[in-house]
Amino acid sequence: MGMKGILAGAGLLAMTAGMLLAPQASATAPPPKLSVSPAKVAPGQALDFTASCHGTRTPVTSPGLTGPVTLSAQSGATYNGQGKAVGRTGKFKASFRCDGGPNLPAASGTATVEFEIVCPPPTNTPTKPPSSSKPPSSSQPPSSSEPPSSSAPSSSSARVAPAALTKPCGTPGKTPQVKVKPSGAPQTGGGV
């Protein structure tokens, strides 16, 4: 019995050591994810963010957003939030951090998504119809149209301030004005 007891004791000792030294199995969760829709927006347009996080989360932040985006729970580990694009163009990265804690270390990390703020296509050029209406007004004394604008500089300044927000997208307002300035050219032809 001495030999059997020694073998049994050695086996139990080996089995116990294997259990104590083996790493504990921990629950796993996917890493955080972040998506944005639409990926291309105009300045000031809304952006919808969808995030996946198995743990605690921070708001979505980006220099391309007017402020942090708070993520609200939807279902399970899915969160949604809406932000607003800043008034300048460019490519920006938005990100948030997820902390899965000690039980879900794989769920911890930072998720990042890229979006772009672009100028809208120049389809909003209502300056051509006013330019066709301006030549009749320019056939009248053009100097009379200038004094009213100079008599109300504060209102024209107020109109310029909103245009300043679109300056990063170009100055479509100034280009048609430059085209309208050479109104002293003689008109030829029958003009229908």
N, C-alpha and C. Protein backbone atom coordinates (compact mmCIF):
# COMPACT_ATOMS: atom_id res chain seq x y z
N MET A 1 0.78 -1.17 0.00
CA MET A 1 0.00 0.00 0.00
C MET A 1 0.85 1.26 0.00
N GLY A 2 2.02 1.17 0.38
CA GLY A 2 2.91 2.29 0.42
C GLY A 2 3.16 2.88 -0.96
N MET A 3 3.35 2.02 -1.94
CA MET A 3 3.62 2.49 -3.30
C MET A 3 2.37 3.09 -3.92
N LYS A 4 1.22 2.46 -3.70
CA LYS A 4 -0.02 2.99 -4.25
C LYS A 4 -0.36 4.34 -3.62
N GLY A 5 -0.11 4.49 -2.38
CA GLY A 5 -0.40 5.75 -1.68
C GLY A 5 0.48 6.88 -2.18
N ILE A 6 1.73 6.56 -2.45
CA ILE A 6 2.65 7.58 -2.95
C ILE A 6 2.23 8.03 -4.34
N LEU A 7 1.87 7.07 -5.20
CA LEU A 7 1.44 7.41 -6.55
C LEU A 7 0.14 8.22 -6.53
N ALA A 8 -0.78 7.84 -5.68
CA ALA A 8 -2.04 8.57 -5.59
C ALA A 8 -1.79 9.99 -5.08
N GLY A 9 -0.92 10.13 -4.10
CA GLY A 9 -0.60 11.46 -3.56
C GLY A 9 0.09 12.33 -4.59
N ALA A 10 1.00 11.74 -5.36
CA ALA A 10 1.69 12.51 -6.39
C ALA A 10 0.72 12.94 -7.48
N GLY A 11 -0.21 12.07 -7.84
CA GLY A 11 -1.22 12.41 -8.87
C GLY A 11 -2.11 13.54 -8.40
N LEU A 12 -2.56 13.47 -7.15
CA LEU A 12 -3.40 14.54 -6.60
C LEU A 12 -2.64 15.86 -6.52
N LEU A 13 -1.39 15.78 -6.16
CA LEU A 13 -0.58 16.98 -6.07
C LEU A 13 -0.39 17.61 -7.44
N ALA A 14 -0.15 16.82 -8.46
CA ALA A 14 0.02 17.33 -9.83
C ALA A 14 -1.27 17.95 -10.34
N MET A 15 -2.39 17.28 -10.06
CA MET A 15 -3.67 17.79 -10.52
C MET A 15 -4.01 19.11 -9.83
N THR A 16 -3.74 19.23 -8.57
CA THR A 16 -4.01 20.45 -7.82
C THR A 16 -3.13 21.59 -8.31
N ALA A 17 -1.89 21.32 -8.56
CA ALA A 17 -0.97 22.34 -9.06
C ALA A 17 -1.42 22.84 -10.43
N GLY A 18 -1.88 21.93 -11.29
CA GLY A 18 -2.36 22.32 -12.61
C GLY A 18 -3.57 23.23 -12.53
N MET A 19 -4.44 22.98 -11.59
CA MET A 19 -5.62 23.82 -11.43
C MET A 19 -5.26 25.20 -10.89
N LEU A 20 -4.34 25.25 -9.97
CA LEU A 20 -3.98 26.51 -9.37
C LEU A 20 -3.17 27.39 -10.31
N LEU A 21 -2.35 26.80 -11.12
CA LEU A 21 -1.49 27.56 -12.01
C LEU A 21 -2.16 27.89 -13.34
N ALA A 22 -3.21 27.20 -13.71
CA ALA A 22 -3.90 27.47 -14.98
C ALA A 22 -4.64 28.80 -14.89
N PRO A 23 -4.63 29.61 -15.97
CA PRO A 23 -5.34 30.89 -15.92
C PRO A 23 -6.85 30.67 -15.85
N GLN A 24 -7.50 31.58 -15.16
CA GLN A 24 -8.94 31.48 -15.04
C GLN A 24 -9.58 31.89 -16.36
N ALA A 25 -10.63 31.21 -16.68
CA ALA A 25 -11.37 31.57 -17.89
C ALA A 25 -12.19 32.81 -17.59
N SER A 26 -12.09 33.83 -18.48
CA SER A 26 -12.86 35.04 -18.27
C SER A 26 -13.85 35.21 -19.42
N ALA A 27 -14.91 35.91 -19.14
CA ALA A 27 -15.91 36.16 -20.17
C ALA A 27 -15.31 37.08 -21.22
N THR A 28 -15.69 36.90 -22.45
CA THR A 28 -15.18 37.74 -23.51
C THR A 28 -16.33 38.51 -24.14
N ALA A 29 -16.01 39.65 -24.65
CA ALA A 29 -16.98 40.50 -25.35
C ALA A 29 -16.24 41.14 -26.52
N PRO A 30 -16.96 41.50 -27.57
CA PRO A 30 -16.30 42.11 -28.72
C PRO A 30 -15.78 43.51 -28.37
N PRO A 31 -14.77 43.97 -29.09
CA PRO A 31 -14.26 45.32 -28.84
C PRO A 31 -15.31 46.36 -29.24
N PRO A 32 -15.16 47.59 -28.77
CA PRO A 32 -16.14 48.63 -29.11
C PRO A 32 -16.10 48.97 -30.59
N LYS A 33 -17.26 49.39 -31.10
CA LYS A 33 -17.37 49.80 -32.50
C LYS A 33 -18.12 51.11 -32.57
N LEU A 34 -17.83 51.90 -33.61
CA LEU A 34 -18.50 53.18 -33.81
C LEU A 34 -18.74 53.38 -35.30
N SER A 35 -19.95 53.81 -35.66
CA SER A 35 -20.25 54.13 -37.05
C SER A 35 -20.97 55.47 -37.10
N VAL A 36 -20.93 56.12 -38.27
CA VAL A 36 -21.57 57.41 -38.46
C VAL A 36 -22.34 57.41 -39.77
N SER A 37 -23.46 58.12 -39.75
CA SER A 37 -24.28 58.23 -40.96
C SER A 37 -24.85 59.63 -41.02
N PRO A 38 -24.74 60.30 -42.13
CA PRO A 38 -23.95 60.00 -43.32
C PRO A 38 -22.47 60.28 -43.07
N ALA A 39 -21.63 59.71 -43.91
CA ALA A 39 -20.19 59.89 -43.75
C ALA A 39 -19.71 61.21 -44.36
N LYS A 40 -20.51 61.79 -45.26
CA LYS A 40 -20.19 63.10 -45.85
C LYS A 40 -21.37 64.02 -45.59
N VAL A 41 -21.08 65.17 -44.99
CA VAL A 41 -22.13 66.12 -44.65
C VAL A 41 -21.70 67.54 -45.03
N ALA A 42 -22.66 68.42 -45.07
CA ALA A 42 -22.39 69.84 -45.27
C ALA A 42 -22.17 70.49 -43.91
N PRO A 43 -21.53 71.64 -43.85
CA PRO A 43 -21.34 72.32 -42.57
C PRO A 43 -22.68 72.56 -41.89
N GLY A 44 -22.74 72.24 -40.59
CA GLY A 44 -23.95 72.43 -39.80
C GLY A 44 -24.96 71.29 -39.89
N GLN A 45 -24.68 70.29 -40.71
CA GLN A 45 -25.63 69.17 -40.88
C GLN A 45 -25.51 68.18 -39.72
N ALA A 46 -26.60 67.45 -39.48
CA ALA A 46 -26.65 66.46 -38.39
C ALA A 46 -25.90 65.19 -38.77
N LEU A 47 -25.28 64.56 -37.77
CA LEU A 47 -24.58 63.29 -37.91
C LEU A 47 -25.16 62.32 -36.89
N ASP A 48 -25.51 61.11 -37.33
CA ASP A 48 -26.04 60.08 -36.44
C ASP A 48 -24.95 59.06 -36.14
N PHE A 49 -24.67 58.85 -34.85
CA PHE A 49 -23.65 57.90 -34.42
C PHE A 49 -24.32 56.68 -33.81
N THR A 50 -23.78 55.50 -34.13
CA THR A 50 -24.21 54.24 -33.53
C THR A 50 -22.96 53.58 -32.95
N ALA A 51 -23.05 53.17 -31.69
CA ALA A 51 -21.90 52.59 -31.01
C ALA A 51 -22.28 51.26 -30.39
N SER A 52 -21.27 50.41 -30.25
CA SER A 52 -21.42 49.13 -29.56
C SER A 52 -20.38 49.11 -28.44
N CYS A 53 -20.86 48.89 -27.20
CA CYS A 53 -19.96 48.90 -26.05
C CYS A 53 -20.52 48.00 -24.96
N HIS A 54 -19.72 47.05 -24.51
CA HIS A 54 -20.08 46.16 -23.40
C HIS A 54 -19.38 46.67 -22.15
N GLY A 55 -19.87 47.78 -21.62
CA GLY A 55 -19.26 48.38 -20.44
C GLY A 55 -19.68 49.83 -20.34
N THR A 56 -18.87 50.62 -19.64
CA THR A 56 -19.17 52.05 -19.52
C THR A 56 -18.55 52.78 -20.70
N ARG A 57 -19.18 53.87 -21.12
CA ARG A 57 -18.75 54.56 -22.32
C ARG A 57 -18.63 56.06 -22.07
N THR A 58 -17.81 56.69 -22.88
CA THR A 58 -17.69 58.15 -22.85
C THR A 58 -18.50 58.71 -24.01
N PRO A 59 -18.76 60.03 -24.02
CA PRO A 59 -19.42 60.62 -25.19
C PRO A 59 -18.49 60.57 -26.41
N VAL A 60 -19.09 60.68 -27.58
CA VAL A 60 -18.33 60.75 -28.83
C VAL A 60 -17.81 62.18 -28.96
N THR A 61 -16.52 62.32 -29.23
CA THR A 61 -15.92 63.65 -29.39
C THR A 61 -15.16 63.73 -30.70
N SER A 62 -15.07 64.95 -31.23
CA SER A 62 -14.33 65.21 -32.46
C SER A 62 -14.18 66.70 -32.65
N PRO A 63 -13.07 67.15 -33.23
CA PRO A 63 -12.95 68.57 -33.57
C PRO A 63 -13.92 68.96 -34.69
N GLY A 64 -14.49 67.99 -35.38
CA GLY A 64 -15.45 68.27 -36.44
C GLY A 64 -16.88 68.36 -35.95
N LEU A 65 -17.08 68.22 -34.63
CA LEU A 65 -18.42 68.32 -34.04
C LEU A 65 -18.54 69.60 -33.22
N THR A 66 -19.74 70.14 -33.14
CA THR A 66 -19.95 71.35 -32.36
C THR A 66 -19.86 71.10 -30.85
N GLY A 67 -19.95 69.85 -30.44
CA GLY A 67 -19.84 69.49 -29.03
C GLY A 67 -19.86 67.98 -28.87
N PRO A 68 -19.65 67.48 -27.64
CA PRO A 68 -19.68 66.03 -27.41
C PRO A 68 -21.08 65.46 -27.69
N VAL A 69 -21.10 64.21 -28.17
CA VAL A 69 -22.36 63.53 -28.47
C VAL A 69 -22.61 62.49 -27.40
N THR A 70 -23.71 62.64 -26.66
CA THR A 70 -24.08 61.69 -25.63
C THR A 70 -24.72 60.47 -26.28
N LEU A 71 -24.26 59.28 -25.90
CA LEU A 71 -24.80 58.04 -26.45
C LEU A 71 -25.88 57.51 -25.52
N SER A 72 -27.06 57.27 -26.07
CA SER A 72 -28.19 56.76 -25.30
C SER A 72 -28.41 55.29 -25.63
N ALA A 73 -28.73 54.49 -24.60
CA ALA A 73 -28.94 53.05 -24.78
C ALA A 73 -30.12 52.78 -25.69
N GLN A 74 -29.95 51.82 -26.60
CA GLN A 74 -31.03 51.41 -27.49
C GLN A 74 -31.48 50.00 -27.14
N SER A 75 -30.60 49.03 -27.37
CA SER A 75 -30.90 47.64 -27.00
C SER A 75 -29.59 46.91 -26.79
N GLY A 76 -29.53 46.13 -25.73
CA GLY A 76 -28.31 45.38 -25.44
C GLY A 76 -27.14 46.33 -25.23
N ALA A 77 -26.11 46.17 -26.05
CA ALA A 77 -24.92 47.00 -25.94
C ALA A 77 -24.85 48.01 -27.08
N THR A 78 -26.00 48.37 -27.66
CA THR A 78 -26.04 49.33 -28.77
C THR A 78 -26.52 50.69 -28.26
N TYR A 79 -25.82 51.73 -28.70
CA TYR A 79 -26.10 53.09 -28.26
C TYR A 79 -26.16 54.00 -29.49
N ASN A 80 -27.02 55.04 -29.41
CA ASN A 80 -27.15 56.00 -30.49
C ASN A 80 -27.01 57.42 -29.95
N GLY A 81 -26.56 58.32 -30.82
CA GLY A 81 -26.47 59.73 -30.47
C GLY A 81 -26.40 60.56 -31.73
N GLN A 82 -26.77 61.84 -31.60
CA GLN A 82 -26.75 62.73 -32.76
C GLN A 82 -25.93 63.96 -32.45
N GLY A 83 -25.09 64.34 -33.43
CA GLY A 83 -24.26 65.53 -33.29
C GLY A 83 -24.43 66.43 -34.49
N LYS A 84 -23.73 67.57 -34.45
CA LYS A 84 -23.83 68.55 -35.53
C LYS A 84 -22.43 68.89 -36.02
N ALA A 85 -22.27 68.93 -37.35
CA ALA A 85 -20.98 69.23 -37.95
C ALA A 85 -20.64 70.71 -37.75
N VAL A 86 -19.35 70.98 -37.58
CA VAL A 86 -18.89 72.36 -37.45
C VAL A 86 -19.02 73.08 -38.79
N GLY A 87 -18.73 74.36 -38.80
CA GLY A 87 -18.92 75.18 -40.00
C GLY A 87 -17.72 75.24 -40.93
N ARG A 88 -16.79 74.32 -40.83
CA ARG A 88 -15.64 74.33 -41.75
C ARG A 88 -15.49 72.94 -42.37
N THR A 89 -14.90 72.91 -43.55
CA THR A 89 -14.76 71.65 -44.27
C THR A 89 -13.50 70.91 -43.83
N GLY A 90 -13.47 69.62 -44.16
CA GLY A 90 -12.31 68.79 -43.87
C GLY A 90 -12.70 67.39 -43.46
N LYS A 91 -11.68 66.55 -43.27
CA LYS A 91 -11.89 65.18 -42.79
C LYS A 91 -11.62 65.19 -41.29
N PHE A 92 -12.53 64.54 -40.55
CA PHE A 92 -12.43 64.52 -39.09
C PHE A 92 -12.61 63.11 -38.58
N LYS A 93 -12.01 62.83 -37.42
CA LYS A 93 -12.19 61.55 -36.74
C LYS A 93 -12.98 61.78 -35.47
N ALA A 94 -13.98 60.93 -35.26
CA ALA A 94 -14.76 60.95 -34.03
C ALA A 94 -14.46 59.67 -33.28
N SER A 95 -14.43 59.74 -31.95
CA SER A 95 -14.12 58.55 -31.17
C SER A 95 -14.81 58.58 -29.82
N PHE A 96 -14.89 57.39 -29.23
CA PHE A 96 -15.36 57.24 -27.85
C PHE A 96 -14.59 56.10 -27.22
N ARG A 97 -14.59 56.06 -25.91
CA ARG A 97 -13.88 55.02 -25.16
C ARG A 97 -14.89 54.15 -24.43
N CYS A 98 -14.64 52.85 -24.47
CA CYS A 98 -15.47 51.87 -23.77
C CYS A 98 -14.59 51.16 -22.75
N ASP A 99 -15.10 51.00 -21.53
CA ASP A 99 -14.36 50.30 -20.48
C ASP A 99 -15.17 49.09 -20.04
N GLY A 100 -14.68 47.91 -20.41
CA GLY A 100 -15.36 46.67 -20.05
C GLY A 100 -15.10 46.23 -18.63
N GLY A 101 -14.19 46.90 -17.94
CA GLY A 101 -13.88 46.55 -16.56
C GLY A 101 -13.02 45.30 -16.47
N PRO A 102 -12.77 44.80 -15.25
CA PRO A 102 -11.88 43.65 -15.07
C PRO A 102 -12.49 42.35 -15.60
N ASN A 103 -13.81 42.27 -15.70
CA ASN A 103 -14.43 41.03 -16.17
C ASN A 103 -14.50 40.93 -17.69
N LEU A 104 -14.44 42.06 -18.36
CA LEU A 104 -14.50 42.07 -19.83
C LEU A 104 -13.36 42.91 -20.42
N PRO A 105 -12.13 42.47 -20.24
CA PRO A 105 -11.01 43.29 -20.72
C PRO A 105 -11.00 43.43 -22.24
N ALA A 106 -11.52 42.45 -22.98
CA ALA A 106 -11.53 42.55 -24.43
C ALA A 106 -12.50 43.63 -24.92
N ALA A 107 -13.46 44.01 -24.08
CA ALA A 107 -14.44 45.03 -24.46
C ALA A 107 -13.90 46.44 -24.26
N SER A 108 -12.74 46.57 -23.63
CA SER A 108 -12.17 47.89 -23.37
C SER A 108 -11.38 48.37 -24.58
N GLY A 109 -11.50 49.66 -24.85
CA GLY A 109 -10.74 50.24 -25.95
C GLY A 109 -11.42 51.48 -26.49
N THR A 110 -10.80 52.04 -27.52
CA THR A 110 -11.32 53.24 -28.17
C THR A 110 -11.75 52.88 -29.58
N ALA A 111 -12.95 53.30 -29.93
CA ALA A 111 -13.47 53.10 -31.29
C ALA A 111 -13.46 54.44 -32.01
N THR A 112 -13.06 54.43 -33.27
CA THR A 112 -12.92 55.65 -34.05
C THR A 112 -13.60 55.48 -35.40
N VAL A 113 -14.18 56.55 -35.90
CA VAL A 113 -14.79 56.56 -37.23
C VAL A 113 -14.44 57.91 -37.87
N GLU A 114 -14.34 57.91 -39.20
CA GLU A 114 -13.99 59.14 -39.92
C GLU A 114 -15.21 59.64 -40.68
N PHE A 115 -15.37 60.97 -40.70
CA PHE A 115 -16.41 61.59 -41.51
C PHE A 115 -15.82 62.82 -42.17
N GLU A 116 -16.51 63.32 -43.19
CA GLU A 116 -16.00 64.44 -43.95
C GLU A 116 -17.07 65.52 -44.06
N ILE A 117 -16.66 66.75 -43.85
CA ILE A 117 -17.54 67.89 -44.04
C ILE A 117 -17.15 68.52 -45.37
N VAL A 118 -18.09 68.54 -46.30
CA VAL A 118 -17.82 69.03 -47.65
C VAL A 118 -18.78 70.17 -47.99
N CYS A 119 -18.40 70.95 -48.97
CA CYS A 119 -19.27 72.02 -49.44
C CYS A 119 -20.39 71.42 -50.27
N PRO A 120 -21.59 71.92 -50.11
CA PRO A 120 -22.67 71.43 -50.96
C PRO A 120 -22.41 71.86 -52.40
N PRO A 121 -22.90 71.10 -53.36
CA PRO A 121 -22.70 71.50 -54.75
C PRO A 121 -23.36 72.85 -55.02
N PRO A 122 -22.79 73.64 -55.89
CA PRO A 122 -23.32 74.99 -56.11
C PRO A 122 -24.62 74.99 -56.92
N THR A 123 -25.63 74.29 -56.42
CA THR A 123 -26.93 74.30 -57.09
C THR A 123 -27.76 75.46 -56.58
N ASN A 124 -27.38 76.03 -55.47
CA ASN A 124 -28.11 77.15 -54.90
C ASN A 124 -27.56 78.46 -55.43
N THR A 125 -27.69 78.69 -56.72
CA THR A 125 -27.20 79.93 -57.30
C THR A 125 -28.39 80.72 -57.83
N PRO A 126 -29.21 81.27 -56.91
CA PRO A 126 -30.33 82.07 -57.36
C PRO A 126 -29.88 83.46 -57.80
N THR A 127 -28.56 83.64 -57.98
CA THR A 127 -28.06 84.94 -58.39
C THR A 127 -28.32 85.20 -59.87
N LYS A 128 -28.52 84.16 -60.68
CA LYS A 128 -28.80 84.38 -62.10
C LYS A 128 -30.15 85.04 -62.31
N PRO A 129 -31.25 84.57 -61.67
CA PRO A 129 -32.50 85.30 -61.82
C PRO A 129 -32.42 86.73 -61.30
N PRO A 130 -31.81 86.99 -60.12
CA PRO A 130 -31.69 88.39 -59.72
C PRO A 130 -30.80 89.19 -60.66
N SER A 131 -29.79 88.55 -61.29
CA SER A 131 -28.95 89.30 -62.21
C SER A 131 -29.74 89.71 -63.43
N SER A 132 -30.72 88.89 -63.86
CA SER A 132 -31.56 89.28 -64.97
C SER A 132 -32.51 90.38 -64.54
N SER A 133 -32.85 90.42 -63.25
CA SER A 133 -33.69 91.50 -62.76
C SER A 133 -32.85 92.73 -62.45
N LYS A 134 -31.55 92.55 -62.21
CA LYS A 134 -30.70 93.68 -61.92
C LYS A 134 -30.43 94.54 -63.15
N PRO A 135 -30.25 93.98 -64.37
CA PRO A 135 -30.03 94.86 -65.51
C PRO A 135 -31.17 95.85 -65.71
N PRO A 136 -32.46 95.45 -65.55
CA PRO A 136 -33.49 96.48 -65.65
C PRO A 136 -33.33 97.52 -64.56
N SER A 137 -32.96 97.09 -63.34
CA SER A 137 -32.76 98.07 -62.29
C SER A 137 -31.50 98.88 -62.54
N SER A 138 -30.51 98.28 -63.27
CA SER A 138 -29.30 99.02 -63.58
C SER A 138 -29.56 99.96 -64.75
N SER A 139 -30.61 99.68 -65.56
CA SER A 139 -30.96 100.63 -66.60
C SER A 139 -31.54 101.88 -65.95
N GLN A 140 -32.11 101.68 -64.76
CA GLN A 140 -32.48 102.84 -63.95
C GLN A 140 -31.19 103.32 -63.30
N PRO A 141 -31.20 104.40 -62.63
CA PRO A 141 -29.93 104.91 -62.07
C PRO A 141 -29.29 103.90 -61.11
N PRO A 142 -28.13 103.36 -61.49
CA PRO A 142 -27.46 102.42 -60.60
C PRO A 142 -26.95 103.10 -59.34
N SER A 143 -26.68 104.38 -59.42
CA SER A 143 -26.19 105.08 -58.23
C SER A 143 -27.29 105.16 -57.18
N SER A 144 -28.57 105.12 -57.62
CA SER A 144 -29.64 105.16 -56.63
C SER A 144 -29.73 103.83 -55.88
N SER A 145 -29.28 102.73 -56.51
CA SER A 145 -29.29 101.46 -55.80
C SER A 145 -28.14 101.38 -54.81
N GLU A 146 -27.07 102.11 -55.08
CA GLU A 146 -25.95 102.10 -54.15
C GLU A 146 -26.24 102.90 -52.88
N PRO A 147 -26.83 104.10 -52.94
CA PRO A 147 -27.10 104.81 -51.70
C PRO A 147 -28.01 104.05 -50.74
N PRO A 148 -29.08 103.33 -51.20
CA PRO A 148 -29.85 102.58 -50.21
C PRO A 148 -29.01 101.52 -49.50
N SER A 149 -28.09 100.87 -50.23
CA SER A 149 -27.26 99.88 -49.55
C SER A 149 -26.30 100.56 -48.59
N SER A 150 -25.85 101.79 -48.96
CA SER A 150 -24.95 102.48 -48.04
C SER A 150 -25.73 103.10 -46.89
N SER A 151 -27.05 103.34 -47.09
CA SER A 151 -27.84 103.88 -46.00
C SER A 151 -28.18 102.80 -44.97
N ALA A 152 -28.06 101.53 -45.36
CA ALA A 152 -28.35 100.43 -44.44
C ALA A 152 -27.15 99.50 -44.32
N PRO A 153 -25.98 100.03 -43.92
CA PRO A 153 -24.82 99.15 -43.83
C PRO A 153 -24.96 98.11 -42.74
N SER A 154 -25.69 98.42 -41.68
CA SER A 154 -25.82 97.44 -40.60
C SER A 154 -26.60 96.22 -41.07
N SER A 155 -27.63 96.41 -41.92
CA SER A 155 -28.38 95.26 -42.41
C SER A 155 -27.55 94.45 -43.38
N SER A 156 -26.73 95.13 -44.20
CA SER A 156 -25.88 94.37 -45.11
C SER A 156 -24.77 93.67 -44.34
N SER A 157 -24.32 94.29 -43.24
CA SER A 157 -23.32 93.62 -42.40
C SER A 157 -23.92 92.39 -41.75
N ALA A 158 -25.19 92.48 -41.35
CA ALA A 158 -25.84 91.33 -40.76
C ALA A 158 -26.00 90.22 -41.79
N ARG A 159 -26.19 90.61 -43.04
CA ARG A 159 -26.29 89.60 -44.10
C ARG A 159 -24.94 88.98 -44.40
N VAL A 160 -23.87 89.73 -44.21
CA VAL A 160 -22.54 89.21 -44.48
C VAL A 160 -22.13 88.22 -43.41
N ALA A 161 -22.56 88.41 -42.17
CA ALA A 161 -22.16 87.51 -41.09
C ALA A 161 -22.60 86.08 -41.35
N PRO A 162 -23.87 85.80 -41.76
CA PRO A 162 -24.19 84.42 -42.08
C PRO A 162 -23.40 83.90 -43.28
N ALA A 163 -23.10 84.76 -44.23
CA ALA A 163 -22.31 84.33 -45.38
C ALA A 163 -20.90 83.96 -44.94
N ALA A 164 -20.43 84.59 -43.86
CA ALA A 164 -19.09 84.26 -43.37
C ALA A 164 -19.01 82.81 -42.93
N LEU A 165 -20.14 82.23 -42.51
CA LEU A 165 -20.13 80.83 -42.12
C LEU A 165 -19.91 79.93 -43.32
N THR A 166 -20.31 80.37 -44.50
CA THR A 166 -20.14 79.54 -45.69
C THR A 166 -18.86 79.87 -46.45
N LYS A 167 -18.08 80.82 -45.97
CA LYS A 167 -16.85 81.17 -46.66
C LYS A 167 -15.90 80.00 -46.86
N PRO A 168 -15.77 79.06 -45.88
CA PRO A 168 -14.88 77.93 -46.14
C PRO A 168 -15.31 77.12 -47.36
N CYS A 169 -16.57 77.19 -47.73
CA CYS A 169 -17.04 76.47 -48.90
C CYS A 169 -16.87 77.28 -50.16
N GLY A 170 -16.26 78.41 -50.09
CA GLY A 170 -16.10 79.26 -51.25
C GLY A 170 -16.97 80.49 -51.08
N THR A 171 -16.85 81.38 -51.99
CA THR A 171 -17.63 82.61 -51.91
C THR A 171 -18.50 82.73 -53.15
N PRO A 172 -19.56 81.87 -53.23
CA PRO A 172 -20.39 81.93 -54.41
C PRO A 172 -21.12 83.26 -54.54
N GLY A 173 -21.38 83.94 -53.45
CA GLY A 173 -22.08 85.22 -53.51
C GLY A 173 -21.25 86.30 -54.18
N LYS A 174 -19.95 86.29 -53.99
CA LYS A 174 -19.10 87.32 -54.56
C LYS A 174 -18.87 87.11 -56.04
N THR A 175 -18.80 85.87 -56.49
CA THR A 175 -18.54 85.62 -57.90
C THR A 175 -19.64 86.19 -58.78
N PRO A 176 -20.92 85.92 -58.50
CA PRO A 176 -21.96 86.52 -59.33
C PRO A 176 -21.97 88.04 -59.22
N GLN A 177 -21.62 88.61 -58.08
CA GLN A 177 -21.57 90.06 -57.96
C GLN A 177 -20.50 90.63 -58.88
N VAL A 178 -19.39 89.94 -59.00
CA VAL A 178 -18.34 90.40 -59.90
C VAL A 178 -18.84 90.34 -61.34
N LYS A 179 -19.61 89.31 -61.66
CA LYS A 179 -20.14 89.20 -63.01
C LYS A 179 -21.16 90.29 -63.28
N VAL A 180 -21.87 90.75 -62.27
CA VAL A 180 -22.91 91.76 -62.44
C VAL A 180 -22.29 93.15 -62.53
N LYS A 181 -21.13 93.39 -61.94
CA LYS A 181 -20.53 94.73 -61.90
C LYS A 181 -20.30 95.32 -63.29
N PRO A 182 -19.83 94.54 -64.28
CA PRO A 182 -19.64 95.19 -65.59
C PRO A 182 -20.98 95.40 -66.30
N SER A 183 -21.87 96.17 -65.67
CA SER A 183 -23.17 96.43 -66.26
C SER A 183 -23.12 97.58 -67.25
N GLY A 184 -21.98 98.22 -67.40
CA GLY A 184 -21.84 99.34 -68.35
C GLY A 184 -21.61 98.88 -69.77
N ALA A 185 -21.53 97.59 -69.99
CA ALA A 185 -21.30 97.10 -71.35
C ALA A 185 -22.52 97.36 -72.21
N PRO A 186 -22.32 97.77 -73.47
CA PRO A 186 -23.48 98.03 -74.33
C PRO A 186 -24.20 96.76 -74.69
N GLN A 187 -25.50 96.84 -74.77
CA GLN A 187 -26.30 95.70 -75.15
C GLN A 187 -26.47 95.73 -76.66
N THR A 188 -26.29 94.57 -77.27
CA THR A 188 -26.46 94.48 -78.71
C THR A 188 -27.46 93.41 -79.02
N GLY A 189 -28.00 93.45 -80.18
CA GLY A 189 -28.92 92.40 -80.61
C GLY A 189 -30.36 92.73 -80.24
N GLY A 190 -31.23 91.87 -80.70
CA GLY A 190 -32.66 92.07 -80.51
C GLY A 190 -33.11 91.75 -79.11
N GLY A 191 -32.43 90.88 -78.39
CA GLY A 191 -32.79 90.51 -77.03
C GLY A 191 -34.24 90.12 -76.87
N VAL A 192 -34.48 88.86 -76.71
CA VAL A 192 -35.86 88.40 -76.58
C VAL A 192 -36.19 88.13 -75.16
